[in-house]
Amino acid sequence: MELDTTNMCSHLQGKLFSEEGEYHAIWLALHEDENLTAVVRSRQLHIYRNGKKILVLAGKAKPKVIREDKLNDMLNNK
């Protein structure tokens, strides 16, 4: 999956890309699951499954769960 991270919040980048980051498992899932897509908007990462928004990740704010999804379980296992 190609993702332009130029406008992504630096805090969010750390949480996603660092192996110790709290969202790193989600980053890996984005690459493994072909039904997931993501786009950076307003410095946040908006994640979609089959075209429907399920989750919004921000750098300093709490994740915003839009729809229940198995991806959200990765947030609860921390």
PDB file of N, CA and C in Angstrom:
ATOM      1  N   MET A   1       0.847  -1.179   0.000  1.00  0.00           N
ATOM      2  CA  MET A   1       0.000   0.000   0.000  1.00  0.00           C
ATOM      3  C   MET A   1       0.889   1.238   0.000  1.00  0.00           C
ATOM      4  N   GLU A   2       0.605   2.143  -0.895  1.00  0.00           N
ATOM      5  CA  GLU A   2       1.308   3.424  -0.966  1.00  0.00           C
ATOM      6  C   GLU A   2       0.534   4.445  -0.138  1.00  0.00           C
ATOM      7  N   LEU A   3       1.252   5.214   0.671  1.00  0.00           N
ATOM      8  CA  LEU A   3       0.616   6.225   1.508  1.00  0.00           C
ATOM      9  C   LEU A   3       1.535   7.429   1.606  1.00  0.00           C
ATOM     10  N   ASP A   4       1.019   8.589   1.248  1.00  0.00           N
ATOM     11  CA  ASP A   4       1.791   9.827   1.341  1.00  0.00           C
ATOM     12  C   ASP A   4       1.723  10.321   2.781  1.00  0.00           C
ATOM     13  N   THR A   5       2.830  10.222   3.486  1.00  0.00           N
ATOM     14  CA  THR A   5       2.867  10.591   4.908  1.00  0.00           C
ATOM     15  C   THR A   5       3.431  11.999   5.118  1.00  0.00           C
ATOM     16  N   THR A   6       3.576  12.766   4.051  1.00  0.00           N
ATOM     17  CA  THR A   6       4.169  14.100   4.152  1.00  0.00           C
ATOM     18  C   THR A   6       3.428  14.991   5.135  1.00  0.00           C
ATOM     19  N   ASN A   7       2.107  14.950   5.119  1.00  0.00           N
ATOM     20  CA  ASN A   7       1.308  15.825   5.976  1.00  0.00           C
ATOM     21  C   ASN A   7       0.828  15.139   7.256  1.00  0.00           C
ATOM     22  N   MET A   8       1.391  13.991   7.578  1.00  0.00           N
ATOM     23  CA  MET A   8       0.989  13.263   8.787  1.00  0.00           C
ATOM     24  C   MET A   8       1.695  13.862  10.007  1.00  0.00           C
ATOM     25  N   CYS A   9       0.975  13.955  11.090  1.00  0.00           N
ATOM     26  CA  CYS A   9       1.505  14.448  12.358  1.00  0.00           C
ATOM     27  C   CYS A   9       2.734  13.627  12.768  1.00  0.00           C
ATOM     28  N   SER A  10       3.778  14.308  13.221  1.00  0.00           N
ATOM     29  CA  SER A  10       5.014  13.610  13.585  1.00  0.00           C
ATOM     30  C   SER A  10       4.800  12.643  14.758  1.00  0.00           C
ATOM     31  N   HIS A  11       3.905  12.988  15.677  1.00  0.00           N
ATOM     32  CA  HIS A  11       3.611  12.082  16.790  1.00  0.00           C
ATOM     33  C   HIS A  11       2.966  10.797  16.273  1.00  0.00           C
ATOM     34  N   LEU A  12       2.076  10.949  15.318  1.00  0.00           N
ATOM     35  CA  LEU A  12       1.412   9.793  14.726  1.00  0.00           C
ATOM     36  C   LEU A  12       2.412   8.938  13.951  1.00  0.00           C
ATOM     37  N   GLN A  13       3.325   9.572  13.259  1.00  0.00           N
ATOM     38  CA  GLN A  13       4.356   8.821  12.537  1.00  0.00           C
ATOM     39  C   GLN A  13       5.149   7.941  13.497  1.00  0.00           C
ATOM     40  N   GLY A  14       5.503   8.491  14.651  1.00  0.00           N
ATOM     41  CA  GLY A  14       6.238   7.713  15.646  1.00  0.00           C
ATOM     42  C   GLY A  14       5.441   6.530  16.160  1.00  0.00           C
ATOM     43  N   LYS A  15       4.163   6.741  16.401  1.00  0.00           N
ATOM     44  CA  LYS A  15       3.310   5.671  16.911  1.00  0.00           C
ATOM     45  C   LYS A  15       3.084   4.575  15.871  1.00  0.00           C
ATOM     46  N   LEU A  16       3.087   4.945  14.598  1.00  0.00           N
ATOM     47  CA  LEU A  16       2.855   3.968  13.526  1.00  0.00           C
ATOM     48  C   LEU A  16       4.117   3.236  13.108  1.00  0.00           C
ATOM     49  N   PHE A  17       5.177   3.966  12.862  1.00  0.00           N
ATOM     50  CA  PHE A  17       6.353   3.405  12.209  1.00  0.00           C
ATOM     51  C   PHE A  17       7.368   2.788  13.159  1.00  0.00           C
ATOM     52  N   SER A  18       7.414   3.236  14.399  1.00  0.00           N
ATOM     53  CA  SER A  18       8.342   2.673  15.368  1.00  0.00           C
ATOM     54  C   SER A  18       7.850   1.291  15.800  1.00  0.00           C
ATOM     55  N   GLU A  19       8.749   0.331  15.860  1.00  0.00           N
ATOM     56  CA  GLU A  19       8.354  -1.029  16.270  1.00  0.00           C
ATOM     57  C   GLU A  19       7.761  -1.052  17.681  1.00  0.00           C
ATOM     58  N   GLU A  20       8.110  -0.086  18.504  1.00  0.00           N
ATOM     59  CA  GLU A  20       7.564   0.001  19.857  1.00  0.00           C
ATOM     60  C   GLU A  20       6.309   0.870  19.909  1.00  0.00           C
ATOM     61  N   GLY A  21       5.928   1.460  18.792  1.00  0.00           N
ATOM     62  CA  GLY A  21       4.786   2.370  18.737  1.00  0.00           C
ATOM     63  C   GLY A  21       3.472   1.660  19.003  1.00  0.00           C
ATOM     64  N   GLU A  22       2.538   2.366  19.636  1.00  0.00           N
ATOM     65  CA  GLU A  22       1.270   1.749  20.012  1.00  0.00           C
ATOM     66  C   GLU A  22       0.368   1.426  18.828  1.00  0.00           C
ATOM     67  N   TYR A  23       0.613   2.014  17.663  1.00  0.00           N
ATOM     68  CA  TYR A  23      -0.188   1.732  16.473  1.00  0.00           C
ATOM     69  C   TYR A  23       0.568   0.892  15.439  1.00  0.00           C
ATOM     70  N   HIS A  24       1.734   0.412  15.781  1.00  0.00           N
ATOM     71  CA  HIS A  24       2.551  -0.316  14.803  1.00  0.00           C
ATOM     72  C   HIS A  24       1.846  -1.577  14.285  1.00  0.00           C
ATOM     73  N   ALA A  25       1.121  -2.272  15.128  1.00  0.00           N
ATOM     74  CA  ALA A  25       0.390  -3.475  14.696  1.00  0.00           C
ATOM     75  C   ALA A  25      -0.667  -3.110  13.648  1.00  0.00           C
ATOM     76  N   ILE A  26      -1.272  -1.940  13.800  1.00  0.00           N
ATOM     77  CA  ILE A  26      -2.253  -1.476  12.821  1.00  0.00           C
ATOM     78  C   ILE A  26      -1.550  -1.168  11.499  1.00  0.00           C
ATOM     79  N   TRP A  27      -0.382  -0.560  11.557  1.00  0.00           N
ATOM     80  CA  TRP A  27       0.385  -0.265  10.357  1.00  0.00           C
ATOM     81  C   TRP A  27       0.702  -1.559   9.602  1.00  0.00           C
ATOM     82  N   LEU A  28       1.102  -2.584  10.323  1.00  0.00           N
ATOM     83  CA  LEU A  28       1.396  -3.872   9.691  1.00  0.00           C
ATOM     84  C   LEU A  28       0.138  -4.483   9.088  1.00  0.00           C
ATOM     85  N   ALA A  29      -0.985  -4.370   9.784  1.00  0.00           N
ATOM     86  CA  ALA A  29      -2.252  -4.915   9.285  1.00  0.00           C
ATOM     87  C   ALA A  29      -2.677  -4.214   7.993  1.00  0.00           C
ATOM     88  N   LEU A  30      -2.390  -2.930   7.876  1.00  0.00           N
ATOM     89  CA  LEU A  30      -2.727  -2.190   6.656  1.00  0.00           C
ATOM     90  C   LEU A  30      -2.020  -2.781   5.439  1.00  0.00           C
ATOM     91  N   HIS A  31      -0.836  -3.318   5.639  1.00  0.00           N
ATOM     92  CA  HIS A  31      -0.074  -3.895   4.539  1.00  0.00           C
ATOM     93  C   HIS A  31      -0.474  -5.335   4.245  1.00  0.00           C
ATOM     94  N   GLU A  32      -1.028  -6.011   5.221  1.00  0.00           N
ATOM     95  CA  GLU A  32      -1.367  -7.426   5.058  1.00  0.00           C
ATOM     96  C   GLU A  32      -2.792  -7.651   4.575  1.00  0.00           C
ATOM     97  N   ASP A  33      -3.708  -6.774   4.911  1.00  0.00           N
ATOM     98  CA  ASP A  33      -5.124  -6.963   4.600  1.00  0.00           C
ATOM     99  C   ASP A  33      -5.499  -6.120   3.383  1.00  0.00           C
ATOM    100  N   GLU A  34      -5.834  -6.774   2.287  1.00  0.00           N
ATOM    101  CA  GLU A  34      -6.130  -6.052   1.051  1.00  0.00           C
ATOM    102  C   GLU A  34      -7.458  -5.303   1.092  1.00  0.00           C
ATOM    103  N   ASN A  35      -8.297  -5.558   2.094  1.00  0.00           N
ATOM    104  CA  ASN A  35      -9.571  -4.849   2.229  1.00  0.00           C
ATOM    105  C   ASN A  35      -9.418  -3.518   2.960  1.00  0.00           C
ATOM    106  N   LEU A  36      -8.239  -3.267   3.518  1.00  0.00           N
ATOM    107  CA  LEU A  36      -7.989  -2.029   4.255  1.00  0.00           C
ATOM    108  C   LEU A  36      -7.285  -1.017   3.364  1.00  0.00           C
ATOM    109  N   THR A  37      -7.739   0.227   3.462  1.00  0.00           N
ATOM    110  CA  THR A  37      -7.063   1.338   2.799  1.00  0.00           C
ATOM    111  C   THR A  37      -6.948   2.472   3.811  1.00  0.00           C
ATOM    112  N   ALA A  38      -6.075   3.416   3.517  1.00  0.00           N
ATOM    113  CA  ALA A  38      -5.882   4.536   4.439  1.00  0.00           C
ATOM    114  C   ALA A  38      -5.506   5.776   3.651  1.00  0.00           C
ATOM    115  N   VAL A  39      -5.832   6.917   4.236  1.00  0.00           N
ATOM    116  CA  VAL A  39      -5.484   8.201   3.636  1.00  0.00           C
ATOM    117  C   VAL A  39      -5.191   9.189   4.768  1.00  0.00           C
ATOM    118  N   VAL A  40      -4.246  10.091   4.525  1.00  0.00           N
ATOM    119  CA  VAL A  40      -3.911  11.121   5.508  1.00  0.00           C
ATOM    120  C   VAL A  40      -4.754  12.355   5.201  1.00  0.00           C
ATOM    121  N   ARG A  41      -5.516  12.789   6.201  1.00  0.00           N
ATOM    122  CA  ARG A  41      -6.327  14.006   6.100  1.00  0.00           C
ATOM    123  C   ARG A  41      -6.162  14.780   7.399  1.00  0.00           C
ATOM    124  N   SER A  42      -5.916  16.052   7.278  1.00  0.00           N
ATOM    125  CA  SER A  42      -5.780  16.929   8.450  1.00  0.00           C
ATOM    126  C   SER A  42      -4.800  16.353   9.467  1.00  0.00           C
ATOM    127  N   ARG A  43      -3.680  15.828   8.956  1.00  0.00           N
ATOM    128  CA  ARG A  43      -2.588  15.291   9.774  1.00  0.00           C
ATOM    129  C   ARG A  43      -2.958  14.007  10.497  1.00  0.00           C
ATOM    130  N   GLN A  44      -4.140  13.454  10.242  1.00  0.00           N
ATOM    131  CA  GLN A  44      -4.609  12.215  10.867  1.00  0.00           C
ATOM    132  C   GLN A  44      -4.662  11.111   9.825  1.00  0.00           C
ATOM    133  N   LEU A  45      -4.679   9.852  10.293  1.00  0.00           N
ATOM    134  CA  LEU A  45      -4.787   8.710   9.401  1.00  0.00           C
ATOM    135  C   LEU A  45      -6.208   8.166   9.464  1.00  0.00           C
ATOM    136  N   HIS A  46      -6.897   8.208   8.334  1.00  0.00           N
ATOM    137  CA  HIS A  46      -8.258   7.696   8.225  1.00  0.00           C
ATOM    138  C   HIS A  46      -8.175   6.318   7.588  1.00  0.00           C
ATOM    139  N   ILE A  47      -8.705   5.315   8.271  1.00  0.00           N
ATOM    140  CA  ILE A  47      -8.602   3.930   7.813  1.00  0.00           C
ATOM    141  C   ILE A  47      -9.977   3.431   7.398  1.00  0.00           C
ATOM    142  N   TYR A  48     -10.012   2.745   6.256  1.00  0.00           N
ATOM    143  CA  TYR A  48     -11.249   2.251   5.664  1.00  0.00           C
ATOM    144  C   TYR A  48     -11.161   0.750   5.433  1.00  0.00           C
ATOM    145  N   ARG A  49     -12.284   0.069   5.583  1.00  0.00           N
ATOM    146  CA  ARG A  49     -12.397  -1.333   5.196  1.00  0.00           C
ATOM    147  C   ARG A  49     -13.522  -1.405   4.162  1.00  0.00           C
ATOM    148  N   ASN A  50     -13.181  -1.906   2.987  1.00  0.00           N
ATOM    149  CA  ASN A  50     -14.136  -2.012   1.887  1.00  0.00           C
ATOM    150  C   ASN A  50     -14.836  -0.679   1.607  1.00  0.00           C
ATOM    151  N   GLY A  51     -14.093   0.420   1.698  1.00  0.00           N
ATOM    152  CA  GLY A  51     -14.629   1.733   1.370  1.00  0.00           C
ATOM    153  C   GLY A  51     -15.393   2.424   2.489  1.00  0.00           C
ATOM    154  N   LYS A  52     -15.552   1.775   3.637  1.00  0.00           N
ATOM    155  CA  LYS A  52     -16.275   2.379   4.768  1.00  0.00           C
ATOM    156  C   LYS A  52     -15.286   2.716   5.874  1.00  0.00           C
ATOM    157  N   LYS A  53     -15.354   3.952   6.339  1.00  0.00           N
ATOM    158  CA  LYS A  53     -14.428   4.402   7.381  1.00  0.00           C
ATOM    159  C   LYS A  53     -14.676   3.635   8.674  1.00  0.00           C
ATOM    160  N   ILE A  54     -13.576   3.137   9.262  1.00  0.00           N
ATOM    161  CA  ILE A  54     -13.705   2.390  10.520  1.00  0.00           C
ATOM    162  C   ILE A  54     -12.941   3.044  11.671  1.00  0.00           C
ATOM    163  N   LEU A  55     -11.902   3.835  11.356  1.00  0.00           N
ATOM    164  CA  LEU A  55     -11.028   4.316  12.419  1.00  0.00           C
ATOM    165  C   LEU A  55     -10.285   5.573  11.969  1.00  0.00           C
ATOM    166  N   VAL A  56     -10.076   6.504  12.917  1.00  0.00           N
ATOM    167  CA  VAL A  56      -9.260   7.686  12.664  1.00  0.00           C
ATOM    168  C   VAL A  56      -8.196   7.739  13.759  1.00  0.00           C
ATOM    169  N   LEU A  57      -6.932   7.757  13.336  1.00  0.00           N
ATOM    170  CA  LEU A  57      -5.820   7.829  14.286  1.00  0.00           C
ATOM    171  C   LEU A  57      -5.193   9.212  14.229  1.00  0.00           C
ATOM    172  N   ALA A  58      -4.962   9.773  15.389  1.00  0.00           N
ATOM    173  CA  ALA A  58      -4.305  11.078  15.502  1.00  0.00           C
ATOM    174  C   ALA A  58      -3.058  10.916  16.353  1.00  0.00           C
ATOM    175  N   GLY A  59      -2.188  11.897  16.312  1.00  0.00           N
ATOM    176  CA  GLY A  59      -0.931  11.811  17.045  1.00  0.00           C
ATOM    177  C   GLY A  59      -1.090  11.902  18.549  1.00  0.00           C
ATOM    178  N   LYS A  60      -1.756  12.949  19.021  1.00  0.00           N
ATOM    179  CA  LYS A  60      -1.878  13.161  20.460  1.00  0.00           C
ATOM    180  C   LYS A  60      -3.260  12.828  20.993  1.00  0.00           C
ATOM    181  N   ALA A  61      -4.273  12.857  20.152  1.00  0.00           N
ATOM    182  CA  ALA A  61      -5.645  12.562  20.590  1.00  0.00           C
ATOM    183  C   ALA A  61      -5.887  11.054  20.594  1.00  0.00           C
ATOM    184  N   LYS A  62      -6.931  10.655  21.289  1.00  0.00           N
ATOM    185  CA  LYS A  62      -7.306   9.245  21.316  1.00  0.00           C
ATOM    186  C   LYS A  62      -7.825   8.821  19.949  1.00  0.00           C
ATOM    187  N   PRO A  63      -7.680   7.542  19.616  1.00  0.00           N
ATOM    188  CA  PRO A  63      -8.230   7.048  18.352  1.00  0.00           C
ATOM    189  C   PRO A  63      -9.751   7.186  18.347  1.00  0.00           C
ATOM    190  N   LYS A  64     -10.298   7.510  17.194  1.00  0.00           N
ATOM    191  CA  LYS A  64     -11.750   7.648  17.069  1.00  0.00           C
ATOM    192  C   LYS A  64     -12.281   6.448  16.291  1.00  0.00           C
ATOM    193  N   VAL A  65     -13.029   5.594  16.979  1.00  0.00           N
ATOM    194  CA  VAL A  65     -13.610   4.416  16.353  1.00  0.00           C
ATOM    195  C   VAL A  65     -14.916   4.832  15.692  1.00  0.00           C
ATOM    196  N   ILE A  66     -15.002   4.629  14.386  1.00  0.00           N
ATOM    197  CA  ILE A  66     -16.189   4.988  13.631  1.00  0.00           C
ATOM    198  C   ILE A  66     -17.136   3.793  13.540  1.00  0.00           C
ATOM    199  N   ARG A  67     -16.587   2.626  13.220  1.00  0.00           N
ATOM    200  CA  ARG A  67     -17.357   1.389  13.105  1.00  0.00           C
ATOM    201  C   ARG A  67     -16.611   0.284  13.843  1.00  0.00           C
ATOM    202  N   GLU A  68     -17.349  -0.636  14.408  1.00  0.00           N
ATOM    203  CA  GLU A  68     -16.725  -1.793  15.040  1.00  0.00           C
ATOM    204  C   GLU A  68     -16.045  -2.633  13.964  1.00  0.00           C
ATOM    205  N   ASP A  69     -14.811  -3.048  14.250  1.00  0.00           N
ATOM    206  CA  ASP A  69     -14.029  -3.821  13.299  1.00  0.00           C
ATOM    207  C   ASP A  69     -12.969  -4.574  14.080  1.00  0.00           C
ATOM    208  N   LYS A  70     -12.507  -5.686  13.508  1.00  0.00           N
ATOM    209  CA  LYS A  70     -11.475  -6.464  14.185  1.00  0.00           C
ATOM    210  C   LYS A  70     -10.169  -5.674  14.325  1.00  0.00           C
ATOM    211  N   LEU A  71      -9.963  -4.680  13.481  1.00  0.00           N
ATOM    212  CA  LEU A  71      -8.777  -3.834  13.583  1.00  0.00           C
ATOM    213  C   LEU A  71      -8.794  -3.039  14.887  1.00  0.00           C
ATOM    214  N   ASN A  72      -9.976  -2.657  15.338  1.00  0.00           N
ATOM    215  CA  ASN A  72     -10.103  -1.892  16.580  1.00  0.00           C
ATOM    216  C   ASN A  72      -9.644  -2.699  17.795  1.00  0.00           C
ATOM    217  N   ASP A  73      -9.712  -4.014  17.707  1.00  0.00           N
ATOM    218  CA  ASP A  73      -9.256  -4.858  18.818  1.00  0.00           C
ATOM    219  C   ASP A  73      -7.780  -4.649  19.098  1.00  0.00           C
ATOM    220  N   MET A  74      -7.015  -4.274  18.092  1.00  0.00           N
ATOM    221  CA  MET A  74      -5.602  -4.015  18.287  1.00  0.00           C
ATOM    222  C   MET A  74      -5.363  -2.817  19.199  1.00  0.00           C
ATOM    223  N   LEU A  75      -6.308  -1.895  19.230  1.00  0.00           N
ATOM    224  CA  LEU A  75      -6.209  -0.748  20.128  1.00  0.00           C
ATOM    225  C   LEU A  75      -6.492  -1.162  21.562  1.00  0.00           C
ATOM    226  N   ASN A  76      -7.423  -2.070  21.747  1.00  0.00           N
ATOM    227  CA  ASN A  76      -7.856  -2.488  23.082  1.00  0.00           C
ATOM    228  C   ASN A  76      -6.878  -3.447  23.752  1.00  0.00           C
ATOM    229  N   ASN A  77      -5.976  -4.042  22.977  1.00  0.00           N
ATOM    230  CA  ASN A  77      -5.031  -5.009  23.532  1.00  0.00           C
ATOM    231  C   ASN A  77      -3.787  -4.360  24.086  1.00  0.00           C
ATOM    232  N   LYS A  78      -3.744  -3.057  24.139  1.00  0.00           N
ATOM    233  CA  LYS A  78      -2.571  -2.346  24.667  1.00  0.00           C
ATOM    234  C   LYS A  78      -2.641  -2.251  26.157  1.00  0.00           C
TER     235      LYS A  78
END
